[in-house]
Amino acid sequence: MPSPPLAEEATLPAPRLRHSRTHTTHAAAATRTPHAAGRRPPTVHCHHQKPPAMAVSNNITACITLLALICAVPVIASGIWFASAQGEECVRLARWPVAILGGLLMLAALAGFVGAYWNRRRLLAFYLCAMAVLIVLLIVLLVWAFAVTRGSGGYAVVGRGYDDYHLDGFSMWLRGYVSDDPDRWERIKACLAGSNTCRKLAQERAFTNADQFFQSHLSPLQSGCCKPPSVCGFGYVSPTVWTNPSHPAADPDCGLWSNDPARLCYECESCKAGLLEALRDQWYKVNIALIVATVSLVFLYLVGCSAYKNAQAASLFRHYKW
């Protein structure tokens, strides 16, 4: 009779053990990692974030392209000023290339800034390639300008505050520009005759006698086109009226002078030389701005290339890391 209760007591804990095992199994399933369940963990999305090195490189590139954009502004301004100054002096020599080149530099820098700010690698690559080509063109333009404008046709005259001009001092290219094509000079001459270059000089009331005029500072165009060469020895009447040359054979231009306001010395070689000297002075001022812009753009380009390479290296590291 005692054995049945023992068997009943032995069988009672069994359901509890099965329940405990079931509870443990559910708890283990609940605490099972997402990898065991076949699902990707949320932390894997962190590879969409930029690595610190790549973010810094992109920020540096954005600043570099912004500075390059600023450097393009003086190039455009110099080109516009140069074109307008030539228009006043009736010349159409390389009038717009500087302004056009500055505009292309600005567009390339703008593309680089957008590419760096929004991490568009194709735009950055376009910026670097385009900027390299434009910098080379800028350097070529500078070399050409220095080669063409080297030398001056001006020479000092004793007892005069202004210079006289001859074509001999200018480069062959500039001399050919005003001498090789008669039709071109006819157009320039007509433009000069219709301008205020000599008209303003003739209306100047500050010159009450010859000494005041001789000590004045005339522009190259006024000295070359609005008065006869000093070597001819003309007598002063007014800034554009001269009589009785004492050395009429001293220069071929002596016989070309006329007191007619429509003619004056527009046919003289000195007028052509004065025009070239004015053009040379303009190029000199533009060259200063171009040199500063070129040096700045080359420096910024080298820094931008370095930052771009660092960004590419960071992108490659990120790719293989994940």
Protein backbone atom coordinates (compact mmCIF):
# COMPACT_ATOMS: atom_id res chain seq x y z
CA MET A 1 0.00 0.00 0.00
CA PRO A 2 2.86 2.49 0.61
CA SER A 3 4.33 2.24 -2.95
CA PRO A 4 1.59 3.98 -4.98
CA PRO A 5 2.00 7.33 -3.20
CA LEU A 6 5.72 7.23 -3.95
CA ALA A 7 5.07 6.73 -7.64
CA GLU A 8 2.57 9.60 -7.64
CA GLU A 9 5.08 11.89 -5.91
CA ALA A 10 7.74 10.98 -8.51
CA THR A 11 5.51 11.83 -11.40
CA LEU A 12 4.26 15.20 -10.16
CA PRO A 13 7.36 17.39 -10.92
CA ALA A 14 7.61 16.16 -14.52
CA PRO A 15 5.11 18.68 -16.04
CA ARG A 16 6.82 21.51 -14.19
CA LEU A 17 10.16 20.54 -15.72
CA ARG A 18 8.68 20.46 -19.19
CA HIS A 19 7.10 23.86 -18.62
CA SER A 20 10.43 25.21 -17.38
CA ARG A 21 12.21 23.86 -20.41
CA THR A 22 9.55 25.40 -22.69
CA HIS A 23 9.86 28.74 -20.95
CA THR A 24 13.64 28.57 -21.25
CA THR A 25 13.34 27.71 -24.94
CA HIS A 26 11.03 30.71 -25.58
CA ALA A 27 13.33 32.99 -23.60
CA ALA A 28 16.29 31.83 -25.65
CA ALA A 29 14.34 32.41 -28.85
CA ALA A 30 13.35 35.85 -27.66
CA THR A 31 16.95 36.74 -26.86
CA ARG A 32 18.28 35.22 -30.06
CA THR A 33 20.32 37.74 -32.06
CA PRO A 34 19.03 39.04 -35.40
CA HIS A 35 21.94 37.31 -37.12
CA ALA A 36 20.63 33.92 -35.90
CA ALA A 37 17.16 34.78 -37.16
CA GLY A 38 18.49 35.68 -40.60
CA ARG A 39 17.80 39.40 -40.28
CA ARG A 40 20.47 42.17 -40.76
CA PRO A 41 21.15 44.30 -37.69
CA PRO A 42 20.30 47.99 -37.85
CA THR A 43 23.91 48.89 -37.20
CA VAL A 44 24.99 47.85 -40.69
CA HIS A 45 23.47 51.05 -42.07
CA CYS A 46 26.28 53.08 -40.58
CA HIS A 47 28.34 52.61 -43.75
CA HIS A 48 26.19 55.30 -45.41
CA GLN A 49 27.82 57.90 -43.21
CA LYS A 50 30.93 59.68 -44.52
CA PRO A 51 34.18 58.78 -42.81
CA PRO A 52 35.74 61.76 -41.02
CA ALA A 53 38.71 61.87 -43.42
CA MET A 54 36.43 61.98 -46.45
CA ALA A 55 34.24 64.71 -44.94
CA VAL A 56 37.28 66.86 -44.16
CA SER A 57 38.65 66.39 -47.70
CA ASN A 58 35.31 67.39 -49.23
CA ASN A 59 35.14 70.48 -47.02
CA ILE A 60 38.65 71.49 -48.04
CA THR A 61 37.81 70.96 -51.72
CA ALA A 62 34.65 73.06 -51.34
CA CYS A 63 36.66 75.92 -49.81
CA ILE A 64 39.30 75.61 -52.55
CA THR A 65 36.73 75.78 -55.34
CA LEU A 66 35.04 78.74 -53.66
CA LEU A 67 38.37 80.59 -53.60
CA ALA A 68 38.93 79.66 -57.26
CA LEU A 69 35.49 81.11 -58.00
CA ILE A 70 36.56 84.35 -56.34
CA CYS A 71 39.85 84.38 -58.29
CA ALA A 72 37.90 84.23 -61.56
CA VAL A 73 36.16 87.54 -60.77
CA PRO A 74 39.22 89.81 -61.35
CA VAL A 75 39.96 87.97 -64.60
CA ILE A 76 36.44 88.73 -65.86
CA ALA A 77 36.64 92.32 -64.61
CA SER A 78 40.02 92.83 -66.32
CA GLY A 79 38.69 91.41 -69.57
CA ILE A 80 35.63 93.68 -69.53
CA TRP A 81 37.75 96.74 -68.71
CA PHE A 82 40.24 95.84 -71.44
CA ALA A 83 37.47 95.44 -74.02
CA SER A 84 35.85 98.75 -73.07
CA ALA A 85 39.19 100.60 -73.09
CA GLN A 86 39.97 99.30 -76.57
CA GLY A 87 36.56 100.44 -77.72
CA GLU A 88 37.40 103.99 -76.63
CA GLU A 89 40.66 103.87 -78.58
CA CYS A 90 39.25 102.24 -81.72
CA VAL A 91 41.20 98.98 -81.42
CA ARG A 92 39.85 95.44 -81.69
CA LEU A 93 42.96 93.48 -80.74
CA ALA A 94 42.25 90.37 -78.60
CA ARG A 95 39.32 92.26 -77.17
CA TRP A 96 37.25 89.52 -75.48
CA PRO A 97 39.48 86.43 -74.87
CA VAL A 98 40.38 87.54 -71.34
CA ALA A 99 36.74 88.03 -70.31
CA ILE A 100 35.69 84.75 -71.95
CA LEU A 101 38.50 82.87 -70.22
CA GLY A 102 37.47 84.37 -66.89
CA GLY A 103 33.87 83.27 -67.46
CA LEU A 104 34.98 79.70 -68.19
CA LEU A 105 37.11 79.70 -65.03
CA MET A 106 34.09 80.79 -63.02
CA LEU A 107 31.89 78.03 -64.50
CA ALA A 108 34.51 75.36 -63.81
CA ALA A 109 34.97 76.57 -60.23
CA LEU A 110 31.20 76.61 -59.71
CA ALA A 111 30.96 73.01 -60.93
CA GLY A 112 33.76 72.04 -58.55
CA PHE A 113 32.05 73.73 -55.60
CA VAL A 114 28.76 71.92 -56.30
CA GLY A 115 30.61 68.62 -56.67
CA ALA A 116 32.51 69.07 -53.40
CA TYR A 117 29.54 70.31 -51.39
CA TRP A 118 27.15 67.57 -52.49
CA ASN A 119 29.85 64.90 -52.95
CA ARG A 120 29.46 64.52 -56.72
CA ARG A 121 32.69 62.92 -57.79
CA ARG A 122 32.04 63.34 -61.52
CA LEU A 123 31.67 67.10 -61.10
CA LEU A 124 34.88 67.19 -59.09
CA ALA A 125 36.71 65.26 -61.79
CA PHE A 126 35.30 67.64 -64.43
CA TYR A 127 36.43 70.62 -62.34
CA LEU A 128 39.99 69.33 -62.06
CA CYS A 129 40.28 68.51 -65.78
CA ALA A 130 38.66 71.76 -66.94
CA MET A 131 40.67 73.88 -64.52
CA ALA A 132 43.93 72.29 -65.70
CA VAL A 133 43.11 73.14 -69.32
CA LEU A 134 42.03 76.69 -68.45
CA ILE A 135 45.13 77.37 -66.36
CA VAL A 136 47.30 76.24 -69.29
CA LEU A 137 45.36 78.58 -71.60
CA LEU A 138 45.80 81.40 -69.10
CA ILE A 139 49.55 80.83 -68.98
CA VAL A 140 49.71 80.72 -72.79
CA LEU A 141 47.80 84.02 -72.95
CA LEU A 142 50.22 85.59 -70.47
CA VAL A 143 53.28 84.41 -72.41
CA TRP A 144 51.77 85.71 -75.66
CA ALA A 145 50.93 89.08 -74.09
CA PHE A 146 54.45 89.52 -72.71
CA ALA A 147 56.03 88.50 -76.01
CA VAL A 148 53.84 90.85 -78.04
CA THR A 149 54.00 93.87 -75.74
CA ARG A 150 57.71 93.75 -74.93
CA GLY A 151 59.58 96.91 -75.80
CA SER A 152 58.25 100.43 -76.12
CA GLY A 153 58.30 102.99 -78.90
CA GLY A 154 58.35 105.98 -76.59
CA TYR A 155 61.40 108.18 -76.17
CA ALA A 156 61.96 111.26 -74.07
CA VAL A 157 62.28 114.71 -75.65
CA VAL A 158 64.43 117.39 -74.04
CA GLY A 159 62.34 120.16 -72.55
CA ARG A 160 59.05 118.25 -72.92
CA GLY A 161 56.84 116.70 -70.25
CA TYR A 162 55.55 114.09 -72.70
CA ASP A 163 57.20 111.45 -74.87
CA ASP A 164 57.25 111.12 -78.63
CA TYR A 165 56.76 107.73 -80.27
CA HIS A 166 58.24 105.66 -83.09
CA LEU A 167 57.20 102.27 -84.42
CA ASP A 168 60.74 100.91 -84.24
CA GLY A 169 60.56 100.10 -80.53
CA PHE A 170 57.55 97.76 -80.75
CA SER A 171 57.43 94.07 -81.57
CA MET A 172 57.07 93.01 -85.20
CA TRP A 173 53.63 91.59 -84.49
CA LEU A 174 52.27 94.92 -83.21
CA ARG A 175 53.92 96.86 -86.02
CA GLY A 176 52.29 94.53 -88.51
CA TYR A 177 48.92 95.02 -86.86
CA VAL A 178 48.85 98.74 -87.72
CA SER A 179 50.97 98.70 -90.90
CA ASP A 180 50.28 95.52 -92.86
CA ASP A 181 46.58 96.10 -93.49
CA PRO A 182 45.80 99.59 -94.90
CA ASP A 183 42.06 99.00 -94.63
CA ARG A 184 42.36 98.28 -90.93
CA TRP A 185 44.24 101.52 -90.34
CA GLU A 186 41.68 103.46 -92.38
CA ARG A 187 38.98 102.20 -90.03
CA ILE A 188 41.08 103.03 -86.96
CA LYS A 189 41.91 106.48 -88.36
CA ALA A 190 38.26 107.27 -89.05
CA CYS A 191 37.37 106.17 -85.54
CA LEU A 192 40.10 108.35 -84.02
CA ALA A 193 39.03 111.37 -86.05
CA GLY A 194 35.49 110.98 -84.78
CA SER A 195 36.53 110.47 -81.16
CA ASN A 196 37.20 113.06 -78.47
CA THR A 197 40.91 112.27 -78.15
CA CYS A 198 42.15 115.38 -79.95
CA ARG A 199 38.98 117.42 -79.61
CA LYS A 200 39.36 117.56 -75.84
CA LEU A 201 42.99 118.58 -76.21
CA ALA A 202 42.05 121.38 -78.58
CA GLN A 203 39.44 122.70 -76.15
CA GLU A 204 41.81 122.63 -73.19
CA ARG A 205 41.99 126.16 -71.73
CA ALA A 206 44.88 125.48 -69.35
CA PHE A 207 47.48 125.99 -72.09
CA THR A 208 47.87 129.75 -72.35
CA ASN A 209 51.34 129.56 -73.91
CA ALA A 210 53.75 127.09 -75.48
CA ASP A 211 55.75 126.45 -72.29
CA GLN A 212 52.67 125.23 -70.42
CA PHE A 213 51.84 122.87 -73.26
CA PHE A 214 55.42 121.56 -73.51
CA GLN A 215 55.47 120.72 -69.80
CA SER A 216 52.11 118.95 -69.84
CA HIS A 217 51.66 115.17 -69.62
CA LEU A 218 49.92 113.98 -72.78
CA SER A 219 48.59 110.48 -73.36
CA PRO A 220 50.33 108.39 -76.04
CA LEU A 221 47.44 108.96 -78.46
CA GLN A 222 47.43 112.70 -77.88
CA SER A 223 51.19 112.94 -78.31
CA GLY A 224 51.27 110.79 -81.44
CA CYS A 225 48.08 111.83 -83.24
CA CYS A 226 47.13 115.33 -82.10
CA LYS A 227 50.42 117.20 -82.62
CA PRO A 228 53.39 116.99 -84.99
CA PRO A 229 56.64 115.27 -83.90
CA SER A 230 58.83 117.52 -81.76
CA VAL A 231 61.82 116.97 -84.03
CA CYS A 232 60.07 118.87 -86.84
CA GLY A 233 60.35 122.16 -84.94
CA PHE A 234 56.83 123.44 -85.55
CA GLY A 235 55.80 126.69 -83.92
CA TYR A 236 53.08 126.38 -81.28
CA VAL A 237 49.80 128.22 -81.84
CA SER A 238 47.39 125.94 -79.98
CA PRO A 239 47.45 122.24 -78.99
CA THR A 240 46.22 121.24 -82.46
CA VAL A 241 47.46 124.18 -84.56
CA TRP A 242 51.16 124.42 -85.48
CA THR A 243 53.04 126.47 -88.10
CA ASN A 244 56.41 127.00 -89.79
CA PRO A 245 58.48 123.86 -89.13
CA SER A 246 62.18 124.61 -88.70
CA HIS A 247 63.26 121.06 -89.65
CA PRO A 248 60.68 119.78 -92.13
CA ALA A 249 62.94 117.01 -93.42
CA ALA A 250 63.87 115.63 -89.99
CA ASP A 251 61.07 113.06 -90.04
CA PRO A 252 58.69 111.80 -92.75
CA ASP A 253 55.81 112.65 -90.43
CA CYS A 254 56.66 116.35 -90.69
CA GLY A 255 55.15 116.49 -94.17
CA LEU A 256 52.04 114.58 -93.10
CA TRP A 257 50.94 117.03 -90.43
CA SER A 258 47.83 119.12 -91.12
CA ASN A 259 46.00 121.70 -89.06
CA ASP A 260 42.72 120.29 -90.39
CA PRO A 261 40.94 118.72 -87.36
CA ALA A 262 39.86 115.83 -89.56
CA ARG A 263 43.46 115.02 -90.54
CA LEU A 264 45.97 116.32 -87.96
CA CYS A 265 48.62 113.58 -87.73
CA TYR A 266 46.35 110.56 -88.20
CA GLU A 267 48.44 109.46 -91.20
CA CYS A 268 51.70 109.75 -89.25
CA GLU A 269 53.77 106.82 -88.05
CA SER A 270 53.84 108.55 -84.67
CA CYS A 271 50.05 108.17 -84.43
CA LYS A 272 50.31 104.42 -85.05
CA ALA A 273 53.07 104.23 -82.46
CA GLY A 274 50.99 106.19 -79.95
CA LEU A 275 48.09 103.81 -80.47
CA LEU A 276 50.34 100.80 -79.86
CA GLU A 277 51.78 102.41 -76.72
CA ALA A 278 48.27 102.95 -75.36
CA LEU A 279 47.46 99.32 -76.14
CA ARG A 280 50.68 98.20 -74.48
CA ASP A 281 49.82 100.15 -71.32
CA GLN A 282 46.43 98.46 -71.20
CA TRP A 283 47.96 95.01 -71.57
CA TYR A 284 50.45 95.81 -68.83
CA LYS A 285 47.64 96.56 -66.37
CA VAL A 286 45.72 93.45 -67.41
CA ASN A 287 48.85 91.29 -67.09
CA ILE A 288 49.23 92.26 -63.43
CA ALA A 289 45.75 90.96 -62.65
CA LEU A 290 46.31 87.83 -64.76
CA ILE A 291 49.61 87.01 -63.04
CA VAL A 292 48.06 87.27 -59.57
CA ALA A 293 45.07 85.17 -60.67
CA THR A 294 47.26 82.55 -62.36
CA VAL A 295 49.55 82.08 -59.34
CA SER A 296 46.54 81.83 -57.03
CA LEU A 297 44.72 79.36 -59.28
CA VAL A 298 47.78 77.12 -59.64
CA PHE A 299 48.21 77.00 -55.86
CA LEU A 300 44.51 76.31 -55.30
CA TYR A 301 44.52 73.66 -58.01
CA LEU A 302 47.40 71.76 -56.38
CA VAL A 303 45.71 71.86 -52.99
CA GLY A 304 42.42 70.79 -54.57
CA CYS A 305 44.10 67.82 -56.27
CA SER A 306 45.54 66.72 -52.94
CA ALA A 307 42.17 66.98 -51.21
CA TYR A 308 40.48 65.11 -54.05
CA LYS A 309 43.01 62.26 -53.78
CA ASN A 310 42.42 62.05 -50.04
CA ALA A 311 38.66 61.88 -50.61
CA GLN A 312 39.14 59.12 -53.18
CA ALA A 313 41.37 57.17 -50.77
CA ALA A 314 38.77 57.52 -48.00
CA SER A 315 36.04 56.32 -50.37
CA LEU A 316 38.14 53.29 -51.39
CA PHE A 317 38.84 52.46 -47.74
CA ARG A 318 35.15 52.69 -46.91
CA HIS A 319 34.28 50.38 -49.81
CA TYR A 320 36.63 47.61 -48.80
CA LYS A 321 35.94 48.02 -45.09
CA TRP A 322 32.28 47.09 -45.49
